[in-house]
Structure formats: C-alpha cells, structure tokens
Amino acid sequence: MKAESSKVIKKRLFPETLELVRQRGIARDAGNRVQTSELAKQCRQVIKEDLKERRAAVMVEAAEAG
C-alpha cells in the first residue's frame, strides 16, 4: 500500500485536529520542547481517533450502498 501524502491526510482530519497540529508547529518554531512534546502526543492520539471515525463512516456508506 502506498503511503498517503500529508495533503490527503489533512483533508481527512477535523478542523480542531488541524488547529492542534498548527499549535504544535508554533511551539516547535518557538523552541518550546516541553509544549511541543505534549502537543505531539495529543496530535497523535487525536489524529488516530479522527481517522478511525472517518473509516467507520466510509464503511457504513459502503454497506448502505450494497
């Protein structure tokens, strides 16, 4: 399976998740390692949950379509 590009993945994420990713980038640019680390942990968890929700929705649509 080919890896998805970051643009494709970003289209699948909820706006709140993208905001969290943006905040992590700001913290990283500011050199705040502790905040960057904490935000990175949150990002990984939230992204995982977002993608699970999106996959579940796709599966439901596919099942309904027959």
Protein backbone atom coordinates (compact mmCIF):
# COMPACT_ATOMS: atom_id res chain seq x y z
CA MET A 1 0.00 0.00 0.00
CA LYS A 2 1.33 3.40 -0.95
CA ALA A 3 1.79 5.95 1.82
CA GLU A 4 -0.67 8.82 1.73
CA SER A 5 0.62 12.33 1.27
CA SER A 6 0.23 14.86 4.07
CA LYS A 7 -2.20 16.86 1.90
CA VAL A 8 -4.51 13.87 1.58
CA ILE A 9 -4.34 13.15 5.29
CA LYS A 10 -5.05 16.79 6.17
CA LYS A 11 -8.23 16.66 4.09
CA ARG A 12 -9.43 13.80 6.28
CA LEU A 13 -8.81 15.50 9.62
CA PHE A 14 -11.30 17.56 11.53
CA PRO A 15 -10.64 21.32 11.83
CA GLU A 16 -9.98 21.02 15.57
CA THR A 17 -7.24 18.49 14.88
CA LEU A 18 -5.64 20.71 12.27
CA GLU A 19 -5.63 23.55 14.80
CA LEU A 20 -3.81 21.32 17.28
CA VAL A 21 -1.24 20.44 14.61
CA ARG A 22 -0.80 24.16 13.87
CA GLN A 23 -0.25 24.92 17.56
CA ARG A 24 2.38 22.18 17.73
CA GLY A 25 4.20 23.79 14.81
CA ILE A 26 4.15 27.16 16.54
CA ALA A 27 5.54 25.65 19.75
CA ARG A 28 8.26 23.86 17.77
CA ASP A 29 9.23 27.08 15.97
CA ALA A 30 9.39 28.89 19.32
CA GLY A 31 11.77 26.21 20.62
CA ASN A 32 9.46 25.10 23.42
CA ARG A 33 10.37 21.42 23.64
CA VAL A 34 8.09 20.51 26.53
CA GLN A 35 5.00 22.04 24.93
CA THR A 36 5.94 20.58 21.54
CA SER A 37 6.23 17.11 23.07
CA GLU A 38 2.88 17.35 24.84
CA LEU A 39 1.13 18.69 21.75
CA ALA A 40 2.72 15.96 19.61
CA LYS A 41 1.31 13.29 21.93
CA GLN A 42 -2.12 14.90 21.75
CA CYS A 43 -1.89 15.19 17.97
CA ARG A 44 -1.04 11.52 17.51
CA GLN A 45 -3.98 10.43 19.66
CA VAL A 46 -6.50 12.82 18.08
CA ILE A 47 -5.37 12.01 14.53
CA LYS A 48 -5.74 8.30 15.24
CA GLU A 49 -9.29 8.88 16.54
CA ASP A 50 -10.21 11.13 13.58
CA LEU A 51 -9.07 8.58 11.04
CA LYS A 52 -10.96 5.79 12.85
CA GLU A 53 -14.15 7.87 12.73
CA ARG A 54 -13.68 8.66 9.04
CA ARG A 55 -13.01 5.00 8.20
CA ALA A 56 -16.10 3.92 10.11
CA ALA A 57 -18.20 6.43 8.19
CA VAL A 58 -16.85 5.14 4.88
CA MET A 59 -17.62 1.55 5.89
CA VAL A 60 -21.20 2.49 6.80
CA GLU A 61 -21.66 4.25 3.46
CA ALA A 62 -20.26 1.25 1.60
CA ALA A 63 -22.55 -1.13 3.47
CA GLU A 64 -25.58 1.04 2.71
CA ALA A 65 -24.65 1.25 -0.96
CA GLY A 66 -24.62 -2.54 -1.06
